[in-house]
PDB file of N, CA and C in Angstrom:
ATOM      1  N   MET A   1      11.572   5.932  -8.080  1.00  0.00           N
ATOM      2  CA  MET A   1      10.714   6.947  -7.387  1.00  0.00           C
ATOM      3  C   MET A   1       9.618   7.945  -8.567  1.00  0.00           C
ATOM      4  N   GLN A   2       8.611   7.975  -8.094  1.00  0.00           N
ATOM      5  CA  GLN A   2       7.598   8.280  -8.189  1.00  0.00           C
ATOM      6  C   GLN A   2       7.577   9.839  -7.360  1.00  0.00           C
ATOM      7  N   SER A   3       6.277  11.587  -8.041  1.00  0.00           N
ATOM      8  CA  SER A   3       5.759  12.228  -7.505  1.00  0.00           C
ATOM      9  C   SER A   3       5.074  12.206  -7.217  1.00  0.00           C
ATOM     10  N   ILE A   4       4.174  13.142  -5.774  1.00  0.00           N
ATOM     11  CA  ILE A   4       2.867  12.761  -5.620  1.00  0.00           C
ATOM     12  C   ILE A   4       2.172  13.069  -7.123  1.00  0.00           C
ATOM     13  N   ASP A   5       1.968  13.836  -7.720  1.00  0.00           N
ATOM     14  CA  ASP A   5       1.297  14.015  -8.827  1.00  0.00           C
ATOM     15  C   ASP A   5       0.969  12.600  -9.289  1.00  0.00           C
ATOM     16  N   GLU A   6       2.084  11.869 -10.355  1.00  0.00           N
ATOM     17  CA  GLU A   6       2.529  10.287 -10.493  1.00  0.00           C
ATOM     18  C   GLU A   6       1.518   9.570 -10.132  1.00  0.00           C
ATOM     19  N   ILE A   7       1.555   9.660  -8.198  1.00  0.00           N
ATOM     20  CA  ILE A   7       0.747   8.362  -7.464  1.00  0.00           C
ATOM     21  C   ILE A   7      -0.488   8.426  -7.416  1.00  0.00           C
ATOM     22  N   LYS A   8      -0.806  10.453  -7.399  1.00  0.00           N
ATOM     23  CA  LYS A   8      -2.475  10.410  -7.266  1.00  0.00           C
ATOM     24  C   LYS A   8      -2.686  10.163  -8.626  1.00  0.00           C
ATOM     25  N   LYS A   9      -2.488  10.459  -9.750  1.00  0.00           N
ATOM     26  CA  LYS A   9      -2.679  10.236 -10.718  1.00  0.00           C
ATOM     27  C   LYS A   9      -3.094   8.365 -10.989  1.00  0.00           C
ATOM     28  N   GLU A  10      -2.577   7.307 -10.849  1.00  0.00           N
ATOM     29  CA  GLU A  10      -2.482   6.007 -10.412  1.00  0.00           C
ATOM     30  C   GLU A  10      -3.463   5.272  -9.684  1.00  0.00           C
ATOM     31  N   ILE A  11      -3.813   6.482  -7.998  1.00  0.00           N
ATOM     32  CA  ILE A  11      -4.280   6.197  -7.069  1.00  0.00           C
ATOM     33  C   ILE A  11      -6.369   6.287  -8.274  1.00  0.00           C
ATOM     34  N   GLU A  12      -6.172   7.278  -8.789  1.00  0.00           N
ATOM     35  CA  GLU A  12      -7.176   7.733 -10.164  1.00  0.00           C
ATOM     36  C   GLU A  12      -7.970   6.472 -11.106  1.00  0.00           C
ATOM     37  N   GLU A  13      -6.705   6.528 -11.820  1.00  0.00           N
ATOM     38  CA  GLU A  13      -6.699   5.753 -12.940  1.00  0.00           C
ATOM     39  C   GLU A  13      -6.771   3.650 -12.285  1.00  0.00           C
ATOM     40  N   ASN A  14      -6.705   3.776 -11.077  1.00  0.00           N
ATOM     41  CA  ASN A  14      -6.944   1.972 -11.097  1.00  0.00           C
ATOM     42  C   ASN A  14      -7.591   1.999 -10.000  1.00  0.00           C
ATOM     43  N   PRO A  15      -8.442   0.571 -10.414  1.00  0.00           N
ATOM     44  CA  PRO A  15      -9.778   0.722  -9.405  1.00  0.00           C
ATOM     45  C   PRO A  15      -8.970   0.507  -8.162  1.00  0.00           C
ATOM     46  N   ALA A  16      -7.985  -0.765  -7.639  1.00  0.00           N
ATOM     47  CA  ALA A  16      -7.646  -0.859  -6.388  1.00  0.00           C
ATOM     48  C   ALA A  16      -5.618  -0.196  -6.326  1.00  0.00           C
ATOM     49  N   VAL A  17      -5.054   0.216  -5.214  1.00  0.00           N
ATOM     50  CA  VAL A  17      -4.177   0.822  -5.155  1.00  0.00           C
ATOM     51  C   VAL A  17      -2.964   0.488  -4.071  1.00  0.00           C
ATOM     52  N   LEU A  18      -1.933  -0.067  -3.710  1.00  0.00           N
ATOM     53  CA  LEU A  18      -1.092  -0.876  -2.638  1.00  0.00           C
ATOM     54  C   LEU A  18      -0.213   0.825  -2.468  1.00  0.00           C
ATOM     55  N   LEU A  19       0.164   1.493  -1.702  1.00  0.00           N
ATOM     56  CA  LEU A  19       1.206   1.844  -0.907  1.00  0.00           C
ATOM     57  C   LEU A  19       1.814   1.465   0.246  1.00  0.00           C
ATOM     58  N   TYR A  20       2.941   1.161  -0.270  1.00  0.00           N
ATOM     59  CA  TYR A  20       3.750   0.264   0.653  1.00  0.00           C
ATOM     60  C   TYR A  20       5.148   1.338   0.864  1.00  0.00           C
ATOM     61  N   PHE A  21       4.579   1.205   2.100  1.00  0.00           N
ATOM     62  CA  PHE A  21       6.191   2.881   2.747  1.00  0.00           C
ATOM     63  C   PHE A  21       7.046   2.170   3.265  1.00  0.00           C
ATOM     64  N   SER A  22       8.172   2.551   3.118  1.00  0.00           N
ATOM     65  CA  SER A  22       9.273   1.486   4.321  1.00  0.00           C
ATOM     66  C   SER A  22      10.840   2.487   4.238  1.00  0.00           C
ATOM     67  N   ALA A  23      11.201   1.992   4.999  1.00  0.00           N
ATOM     68  CA  ALA A  23      12.570   2.640   4.769  1.00  0.00           C
ATOM     69  C   ALA A  23      14.159   1.774   4.630  1.00  0.00           C
ATOM     70  N   PRO A  24      15.147   1.859   4.220  1.00  0.00           N
ATOM     71  CA  PRO A  24      16.074   0.759   4.141  1.00  0.00           C
ATOM     72  C   PRO A  24      16.772   0.512   5.425  1.00  0.00           C
ATOM     73  N   THR A  25      16.497   1.308   6.856  1.00  0.00           N
ATOM     74  CA  THR A  25      17.104   1.018   7.988  1.00  0.00           C
ATOM     75  C   THR A  25      15.955  -0.117   9.100  1.00  0.00           C
ATOM     76  N   CYS A  26      14.884  -0.425   8.262  1.00  0.00           N
ATOM     77  CA  CYS A  26      13.187  -0.760   8.873  1.00  0.00           C
ATOM     78  C   CYS A  26      13.493  -2.714   8.453  1.00  0.00           C
ATOM     79  N   SER A  27      13.509  -3.011   9.693  1.00  0.00           N
ATOM     80  CA  SER A  27      13.786  -4.630   9.474  1.00  0.00           C
ATOM     81  C   SER A  27      12.340  -5.129   9.125  1.00  0.00           C
ATOM     82  N   VAL A  28      11.799  -4.895   9.955  1.00  0.00           N
ATOM     83  CA  VAL A  28       9.963  -5.239   9.485  1.00  0.00           C
ATOM     84  C   VAL A  28       9.622  -5.028   8.356  1.00  0.00           C
ATOM     85  N   CYS A  29      10.422  -3.732   7.873  1.00  0.00           N
ATOM     86  CA  CYS A  29       9.575  -3.340   6.846  1.00  0.00           C
ATOM     87  C   CYS A  29      10.065  -4.811   5.140  1.00  0.00           C
ATOM     88  N   HIS A  30      11.322  -5.085   5.944  1.00  0.00           N
ATOM     89  CA  HIS A  30      12.119  -6.124   4.841  1.00  0.00           C
ATOM     90  C   HIS A  30      11.730  -7.062   4.686  1.00  0.00           C
ATOM     91  N   ALA A  31      11.338  -7.604   6.017  1.00  0.00           N
ATOM     92  CA  ALA A  31      10.691  -9.265   6.014  1.00  0.00           C
ATOM     93  C   ALA A  31       9.150  -8.982   5.607  1.00  0.00           C
ATOM     94  N   LEU A  32       8.346  -7.776   6.207  1.00  0.00           N
ATOM     95  CA  LEU A  32       6.914  -8.116   5.586  1.00  0.00           C
ATOM     96  C   LEU A  32       6.434  -7.691   4.235  1.00  0.00           C
ATOM     97  N   LYS A  33       7.643  -6.949   3.000  1.00  0.00           N
ATOM     98  CA  LYS A  33       7.432  -6.909   1.996  1.00  0.00           C
ATOM     99  C   LYS A  33       7.056  -7.726   1.135  1.00  0.00           C
ATOM    100  N   PRO A  34       8.243  -8.650   0.996  1.00  0.00           N
ATOM    101  CA  PRO A  34       8.059 -10.340  -0.357  1.00  0.00           C
ATOM    102  C   PRO A  34       6.428 -10.932   0.648  1.00  0.00           C
ATOM    103  N   LYS A  35       6.455 -11.313   1.577  1.00  0.00           N
ATOM    104  CA  LYS A  35       4.989 -11.639   1.704  1.00  0.00           C
ATOM    105  C   LYS A  35       3.771 -11.045   1.164  1.00  0.00           C
ATOM    106  N   LEU A  36       4.267  -9.729   1.965  1.00  0.00           N
ATOM    107  CA  LEU A  36       2.462  -9.013   1.544  1.00  0.00           C
ATOM    108  C   LEU A  36       2.165  -8.898   0.058  1.00  0.00           C
ATOM    109  N   LEU A  37       3.741  -8.319  -0.568  1.00  0.00           N
ATOM    110  CA  LEU A  37       2.946  -8.424  -2.433  1.00  0.00           C
ATOM    111  C   LEU A  37       3.388  -9.254  -2.750  1.00  0.00           C
ATOM    112  N   ASP A  38       3.316 -10.888  -2.175  1.00  0.00           N
ATOM    113  CA  ASP A  38       3.414 -12.113  -2.922  1.00  0.00           C
ATOM    114  C   ASP A  38       1.324 -12.136  -2.273  1.00  0.00           C
ATOM    115  N   ALA A  39       1.174 -12.283  -1.206  1.00  0.00           N
ATOM    116  CA  ALA A  39      -0.381 -12.375  -0.718  1.00  0.00           C
ATOM    117  C   ALA A  39      -1.596 -11.552  -1.839  1.00  0.00           C
ATOM    118  N   ILE A  40      -1.145 -10.196  -1.514  1.00  0.00           N
ATOM    119  CA  ILE A  40      -1.814  -9.019  -2.452  1.00  0.00           C
ATOM    120  C   ILE A  40      -1.744 -10.037  -4.073  1.00  0.00           C
ATOM    121  N   LYS A  41      -0.604 -10.210  -4.786  1.00  0.00           N
ATOM    122  CA  LYS A  41      -0.972 -10.665  -6.192  1.00  0.00           C
ATOM    123  C   LYS A  41      -1.194 -11.867  -6.512  1.00  0.00           C
ATOM    124  N   SER A  42      -1.509 -12.855  -5.217  1.00  0.00           N
ATOM    125  CA  SER A  42      -1.780 -14.178  -5.646  1.00  0.00           C
ATOM    126  C   SER A  42      -3.527 -13.908  -4.978  1.00  0.00           C
ATOM    127  N   ASN A  43      -3.779 -12.868  -4.306  1.00  0.00           N
ATOM    128  CA  ASN A  43      -5.237 -12.613  -3.855  1.00  0.00           C
ATOM    129  C   ASN A  43      -6.117 -11.706  -4.840  1.00  0.00           C
ATOM    130  N   PHE A  44      -5.415 -10.320  -5.394  1.00  0.00           N
ATOM    131  CA  PHE A  44      -6.762  -9.842  -5.771  1.00  0.00           C
ATOM    132  C   PHE A  44      -5.055  -9.417  -7.001  1.00  0.00           C
ATOM    133  N   GLY A  45      -5.900  -9.617  -8.464  1.00  0.00           N
ATOM    134  CA  GLY A  45      -5.207  -9.436  -9.457  1.00  0.00           C
ATOM    135  C   GLY A  45      -5.475  -8.418  -9.943  1.00  0.00           C
ATOM    136  N   GLU A  46      -6.269  -7.010  -9.332  1.00  0.00           N
ATOM    137  CA  GLU A  46      -6.036  -5.899 -10.245  1.00  0.00           C
ATOM    138  C   GLU A  46      -5.551  -4.953  -9.609  1.00  0.00           C
ATOM    139  N   PHE A  47      -4.372  -5.340  -8.677  1.00  0.00           N
ATOM    140  CA  PHE A  47      -4.440  -4.653  -7.556  1.00  0.00           C
ATOM    141  C   PHE A  47      -2.493  -3.766  -8.314  1.00  0.00           C
ATOM    142  N   LYS A  48      -2.728  -2.090  -8.189  1.00  0.00           N
ATOM    143  CA  LYS A  48      -0.843  -1.692  -9.010  1.00  0.00           C
ATOM    144  C   LYS A  48      -0.402  -1.905  -7.173  1.00  0.00           C
ATOM    145  N   ILE A  49       0.177  -1.655  -7.162  1.00  0.00           N
ATOM    146  CA  ILE A  49       1.535  -1.808  -6.081  1.00  0.00           C
ATOM    147  C   ILE A  49       2.410  -0.761  -6.272  1.00  0.00           C
ATOM    148  N   ILE A  50       2.917   0.085  -5.187  1.00  0.00           N
ATOM    149  CA  ILE A  50       3.228   1.019  -5.324  1.00  0.00           C
ATOM    150  C   ILE A  50       4.550   1.302  -3.902  1.00  0.00           C
ATOM    151  N   SER A  51       5.489   0.879  -4.150  1.00  0.00           N
ATOM    152  CA  SER A  51       6.592   1.213  -3.267  1.00  0.00           C
ATOM    153  C   SER A  51       7.527   2.520  -2.916  1.00  0.00           C
ATOM    154  N   VAL A  52       7.022   3.195  -2.063  1.00  0.00           N
ATOM    155  CA  VAL A  52       8.096   3.901  -1.386  1.00  0.00           C
ATOM    156  C   VAL A  52       9.023   3.969  -0.431  1.00  0.00           C
ATOM    157  N   ASP A  53       9.725   4.519  -0.667  1.00  0.00           N
ATOM    158  CA  ASP A  53      11.308   4.472   0.475  1.00  0.00           C
ATOM    159  C   ASP A  53      10.985   5.891   0.813  1.00  0.00           C
ATOM    160  N   THR A  54      10.623   6.183   1.984  1.00  0.00           N
ATOM    161  CA  THR A  54      10.411   7.437   2.985  1.00  0.00           C
ATOM    162  C   THR A  54      11.969   7.592   3.275  1.00  0.00           C
ATOM    163  N   SER A  55      13.089   7.331   2.890  1.00  0.00           N
ATOM    164  CA  SER A  55      14.596   8.167   3.433  1.00  0.00           C
ATOM    165  C   SER A  55      14.956   9.093   2.042  1.00  0.00           C
ATOM    166  N   ILE A  56      14.269   9.250   1.141  1.00  0.00           N
ATOM    167  CA  ILE A  56      14.251   9.289  -0.027  1.00  0.00           C
ATOM    168  C   ILE A  56      12.953  10.388  -0.647  1.00  0.00           C
ATOM    169  N   GLU A  57      12.162   9.320  -0.699  1.00  0.00           N
ATOM    170  CA  GLU A  57      10.548  10.636  -0.550  1.00  0.00           C
ATOM    171  C   GLU A  57      10.013  10.770   0.544  1.00  0.00           C
ATOM    172  N   GLN A  58      10.397  12.074   1.686  1.00  0.00           N
ATOM    173  CA  GLN A  58      10.134  12.562   2.434  1.00  0.00           C
ATOM    174  C   GLN A  58       8.701  12.898   2.093  1.00  0.00           C
ATOM    175  N   GLU A  59       8.671  13.754   1.351  1.00  0.00           N
ATOM    176  CA  GLU A  59       7.600  14.873   0.631  1.00  0.00           C
ATOM    177  C   GLU A  59       6.488  13.983   0.527  1.00  0.00           C
ATOM    178  N   VAL A  60       6.145  12.960  -0.428  1.00  0.00           N
ATOM    179  CA  VAL A  60       5.575  11.606  -0.495  1.00  0.00           C
ATOM    180  C   VAL A  60       4.902  11.464   0.681  1.00  0.00           C
ATOM    181  N   ALA A  61       5.593  10.777   1.822  1.00  0.00           N
ATOM    182  CA  ALA A  61       5.124  10.598   3.057  1.00  0.00           C
ATOM    183  C   ALA A  61       4.379  11.310   3.255  1.00  0.00           C
ATOM    184  N   ALA A  62       4.990  12.981   3.737  1.00  0.00           N
ATOM    185  CA  ALA A  62       4.505  13.163   4.212  1.00  0.00           C
ATOM    186  C   ALA A  62       3.247  14.027   4.129  1.00  0.00           C
ATOM    187  N   HIS A  63       3.268  13.938   2.134  1.00  0.00           N
ATOM    188  CA  HIS A  63       2.087  14.084   1.725  1.00  0.00           C
ATOM    189  C   HIS A  63       0.350  13.490   2.159  1.00  0.00           C
ATOM    190  N   PHE A  64       0.945  12.218   2.478  1.00  0.00           N
ATOM    191  CA  PHE A  64      -0.445  10.923   2.363  1.00  0.00           C
ATOM    192  C   PHE A  64       0.313  10.397   4.106  1.00  0.00           C
ATOM    193  N   SER A  65       0.833  11.564   5.343  1.00  0.00           N
ATOM    194  CA  SER A  65       0.709  11.782   6.307  1.00  0.00           C
ATOM    195  C   SER A  65       1.287  10.217   6.989  1.00  0.00           C
ATOM    196  N   VAL A  66       2.148  10.109   6.509  1.00  0.00           N
ATOM    197  CA  VAL A  66       3.227   9.056   6.753  1.00  0.00           C
ATOM    198  C   VAL A  66       3.849   8.908   7.649  1.00  0.00           C
ATOM    199  N   PHE A  67       4.137   8.710   8.806  1.00  0.00           N
ATOM    200  CA  PHE A  67       5.704   8.776   9.783  1.00  0.00           C
ATOM    201  C   PHE A  67       6.046   7.455  10.458  1.00  0.00           C
ATOM    202  N   ALA A  68       5.921   6.610  10.621  1.00  0.00           N
ATOM    203  CA  ALA A  68       6.560   5.431  10.724  1.00  0.00           C
ATOM    204  C   ALA A  68       6.170   4.453  10.008  1.00  0.00           C
ATOM    205  N   THR A  69       7.792   3.797   9.507  1.00  0.00           N
ATOM    206  CA  THR A  69       7.144   2.482   8.471  1.00  0.00           C
ATOM    207  C   THR A  69       7.642   1.263   9.079  1.00  0.00           C
ATOM    208  N   PRO A  70       7.055   0.083   8.722  1.00  0.00           N
ATOM    209  CA  PRO A  70       6.506   0.015   7.829  1.00  0.00           C
ATOM    210  C   PRO A  70       5.087   0.634   7.892  1.00  0.00           C
ATOM    211  N   THR A  71       3.907   0.984   6.650  1.00  0.00           N
ATOM    212  CA  THR A  71       2.436   2.073   6.596  1.00  0.00           C
ATOM    213  C   THR A  71       2.187   1.041   5.263  1.00  0.00           C
ATOM    214  N   VAL A  72       0.777   0.550   4.869  1.00  0.00           N
ATOM    215  CA  VAL A  72       0.251   0.467   4.224  1.00  0.00           C
ATOM    216  C   VAL A  72      -1.043   0.833   4.233  1.00  0.00           C
ATOM    217  N   LEU A  73      -1.102   1.562   2.680  1.00  0.00           N
ATOM    218  CA  LEU A  73      -2.518   2.439   2.542  1.00  0.00           C
ATOM    219  C   LEU A  73      -2.989   1.351   0.847  1.00  0.00           C
ATOM    220  N   VAL A  74      -4.096   1.403   1.402  1.00  0.00           N
ATOM    221  CA  VAL A  74      -4.966   0.576  -0.058  1.00  0.00           C
ATOM    222  C   VAL A  74      -5.744   1.790  -0.183  1.00  0.00           C
ATOM    223  N   PHE A  75      -6.214   1.826  -1.565  1.00  0.00           N
ATOM    224  CA  PHE A  75      -6.986   2.381  -1.646  1.00  0.00           C
ATOM    225  C   PHE A  75      -8.015   1.802  -3.128  1.00  0.00           C
ATOM    226  N   LEU A  76      -9.014   2.148  -3.062  1.00  0.00           N
ATOM    227  CA  LEU A  76      -9.978   1.035  -3.458  1.00  0.00           C
ATOM    228  C   LEU A  76     -11.212   2.115  -4.339  1.00  0.00           C
ATOM    229  N   GLY A  77     -11.146   2.638  -5.673  1.00  0.00           N
ATOM    230  CA  GLY A  77     -12.307   3.344  -6.110  1.00  0.00           C
ATOM    231  C   GLY A  77     -11.556   4.187  -6.230  1.00  0.00           C
ATOM    232  N   GLY A  78     -10.526   4.966  -5.619  1.00  0.00           N
ATOM    233  CA  GLY A  78     -10.125   6.524  -5.970  1.00  0.00           C
ATOM    234  C   GLY A  78      -9.412   7.229  -4.038  1.00  0.00           C
ATOM    235  N   ARG A  79      -9.842   5.769  -3.458  1.00  0.00           N
ATOM    236  CA  ARG A  79     -10.394   6.838  -2.398  1.00  0.00           C
ATOM    237  C   ARG A  79      -9.503   5.464  -1.093  1.00  0.00           C
ATOM    238  N   GLU A  80      -9.154   6.411  -0.235  1.00  0.00           N
ATOM    239  CA  GLU A  80      -8.526   5.683   1.063  1.00  0.00           C
ATOM    240  C   GLU A  80      -9.438   4.947   1.972  1.00  0.00           C
ATOM    241  N   PHE A  81      -9.204   3.242   1.712  1.00  0.00           N
ATOM    242  CA  PHE A  81      -9.724   1.978   2.165  1.00  0.00           C
ATOM    243  C   PHE A  81      -9.145   1.691   3.509  1.00  0.00           C
ATOM    244  N   LEU A  82      -8.144   2.109   3.607  1.00  0.00           N
ATOM    245  CA  LEU A  82      -7.404   0.789   4.835  1.00  0.00           C
ATOM    246  C   LEU A  82      -6.163   1.384   5.155  1.00  0.00           C
ATOM    247  N   ARG A  83      -5.920   2.388   6.252  1.00  0.00           N
ATOM    248  CA  ARG A  83      -3.895   2.122   7.059  1.00  0.00           C
ATOM    249  C   ARG A  83      -3.990   1.647   7.662  1.00  0.00           C
ATOM    250  N   LYS A  84      -2.656   0.892   7.788  1.00  0.00           N
ATOM    251  CA  LYS A  84      -2.197  -0.181   8.441  1.00  0.00           C
ATOM    252  C   LYS A  84      -0.570   0.383   8.477  1.00  0.00           C
ATOM    253  N   SER A  85      -0.016   0.729  10.036  1.00  0.00           N
ATOM    254  CA  SER A  85       1.145   0.789  10.250  1.00  0.00           C
ATOM    255  C   SER A  85       2.024  -0.363  11.573  1.00  0.00           C
ATOM    256  N   ARG A  86       2.733   0.365  11.654  1.00  0.00           N
ATOM    257  CA  ARG A  86       4.060  -0.814  12.400  1.00  0.00           C
ATOM    258  C   ARG A  86       3.398  -2.299  13.079  1.00  0.00           C
ATOM    259  N   ASN A  87       2.937  -2.799  12.937  1.00  0.00           N
ATOM    260  CA  ASN A  87       2.281  -4.057  13.616  1.00  0.00           C
ATOM    261  C   ASN A  87       1.143  -4.657  12.877  1.00  0.00           C
ATOM    262  N   MET A  88       1.346  -5.089  12.135  1.00  0.00           N
ATOM    263  CA  MET A  88       0.455  -6.144  11.041  1.00  0.00           C
ATOM    264  C   MET A  88       0.151  -6.951  11.049  1.00  0.00           C
ATOM    265  N   SER A  89       0.101  -7.824  10.147  1.00  0.00           N
ATOM    266  CA  SER A  89       0.119  -9.558   9.915  1.00  0.00           C
ATOM    267  C   SER A  89      -0.199  -9.524   8.697  1.00  0.00           C
ATOM    268  N   VAL A  90      -0.107 -10.292   7.893  1.00  0.00           N
ATOM    269  CA  VAL A  90      -0.249 -10.475   5.951  1.00  0.00           C
ATOM    270  C   VAL A  90      -1.979 -10.483   6.339  1.00  0.00           C
ATOM    271  N   GLY A  91      -2.156 -11.449   7.089  1.00  0.00           N
ATOM    272  CA  GLY A  91      -3.683 -11.975   7.138  1.00  0.00           C
ATOM    273  C   GLY A  91      -4.646 -11.373   7.174  1.00  0.00           C
ATOM    274  N   GLU A  92      -4.063 -10.502   8.205  1.00  0.00           N
ATOM    275  CA  GLU A  92      -5.429  -9.508   8.694  1.00  0.00           C
ATOM    276  C   GLU A  92      -5.342  -7.773   7.790  1.00  0.00           C
ATOM    277  N   VAL A  93      -4.196  -8.348   6.802  1.00  0.00           N
ATOM    278  CA  VAL A  93      -4.571  -7.141   5.622  1.00  0.00           C
ATOM    279  C   VAL A  93      -4.890  -7.494   4.626  1.00  0.00           C
ATOM    280  N   ILE A  94      -4.895  -8.394   4.209  1.00  0.00           N
ATOM    281  CA  ILE A  94      -5.409  -9.849   2.845  1.00  0.00           C
ATOM    282  C   ILE A  94      -7.124  -9.256   3.661  1.00  0.00           C
ATOM    283  N   LYS A  95      -7.692 -10.069   4.823  1.00  0.00           N
ATOM    284  CA  LYS A  95      -8.652 -10.482   5.227  1.00  0.00           C
ATOM    285  C   LYS A  95      -9.626  -9.109   5.572  1.00  0.00           C
ATOM    286  N   GLU A  96      -8.665  -7.907   5.365  1.00  0.00           N
ATOM    287  CA  GLU A  96      -9.409  -6.520   5.701  1.00  0.00           C
ATOM    288  C   GLU A  96      -9.884  -5.903   4.063  1.00  0.00           C
ATOM    289  N   ILE A  97      -9.073  -6.485   3.253  1.00  0.00           N
ATOM    290  CA  ILE A  97      -9.258  -5.931   1.521  1.00  0.00           C
ATOM    291  C   ILE A  97     -10.535  -6.762   0.783  1.00  0.00           C
ATOM    292  N   LYS A  98      -9.873  -8.177   1.552  1.00  0.00           N
ATOM    293  CA  LYS A  98     -11.092  -8.938   0.334  1.00  0.00           C
ATOM    294  C   LYS A  98     -12.722  -9.018   0.501  1.00  0.00           C
ATOM    295  N   ARG A  99     -13.101  -8.658   1.335  1.00  0.00           N
ATOM    296  CA  ARG A  99     -15.066  -8.280   0.860  1.00  0.00           C
ATOM    297  C   ARG A  99     -15.118  -7.062  -0.191  1.00  0.00           C
ATOM    298  N   PRO A 100     -14.347  -6.038   0.671  1.00  0.00           N
ATOM    299  CA  PRO A 100     -14.935  -4.347  -0.513  1.00  0.00           C
ATOM    300  C   PRO A 100     -14.272  -5.061  -1.389  1.00  0.00           C
ATOM    301  N   TYR A 101     -12.943  -5.375  -2.010  1.00  0.00           N
ATOM    302  CA  TYR A 101     -12.834  -5.748  -3.226  1.00  0.00           C
ATOM    303  C   TYR A 101     -13.592  -6.670  -3.997  1.00  0.00           C
ATOM    304  N   GLU A 102     -13.892  -7.647  -3.501  1.00  0.00           N
ATOM    305  CA  GLU A 102     -14.490  -8.638  -4.515  1.00  0.00           C
ATOM    306  C   GLU A 102     -16.322  -7.682  -4.731  1.00  0.00           C
ATOM    307  N   ILE A 103     -16.147  -7.009  -3.845  1.00  0.00           N
ATOM    308  CA  ILE A 103     -17.517  -6.751  -4.735  1.00  0.00           C
ATOM    309  C   ILE A 103     -17.515  -5.480  -5.438  1.00  0.00           C
ATOM    310  N   MET A 104     -16.217  -4.132  -5.271  1.00  0.00           N
ATOM    311  CA  MET A 104     -16.286  -3.483  -6.101  1.00  0.00           C
ATOM    312  C   MET A 104     -15.462  -3.973  -7.493  1.00  0.00           C
ATOM    313  N   MET A 105     -14.704  -5.521  -7.141  1.00  0.00           N
ATOM    314  CA  MET A 105     -14.476  -5.910  -8.653  1.00  0.00           C
ATOM    315  C   MET A 105     -16.080  -7.182  -9.377  1.00  0.00           C
ATOM    316  N   SER A 106     -16.732  -7.654  -8.961  1.00  0.00           N
ATOM    317  CA  SER A 106     -17.683  -7.589  -9.434  1.00  0.00           C
ATOM    318  C   SER A 106     -19.155  -7.177 -10.206  1.00  0.00           C
TER     319      SER A 106
END
């Protein structure tokens, strides 16, 4: 469990950060998470991944304007680059991140 300030610090200090918002009652969250995190780790070595349980960390979810699960926020260079909620595929997320990530890391 991390505070809003700790998460903000991670976003500032790391070139690429993925926030994964989920809840224990969300079956889609549990099915998607391992696939998405594996794909991120194997395609993008520099990503810092932070999981947020919205049932416990409502304040963090509200701070990032997350009101549905699963929600994925991708920050590149300290700025929010991608926001996906509910209906997303792993391939879709990887495809949207790939080019800007490669440009930023080159």
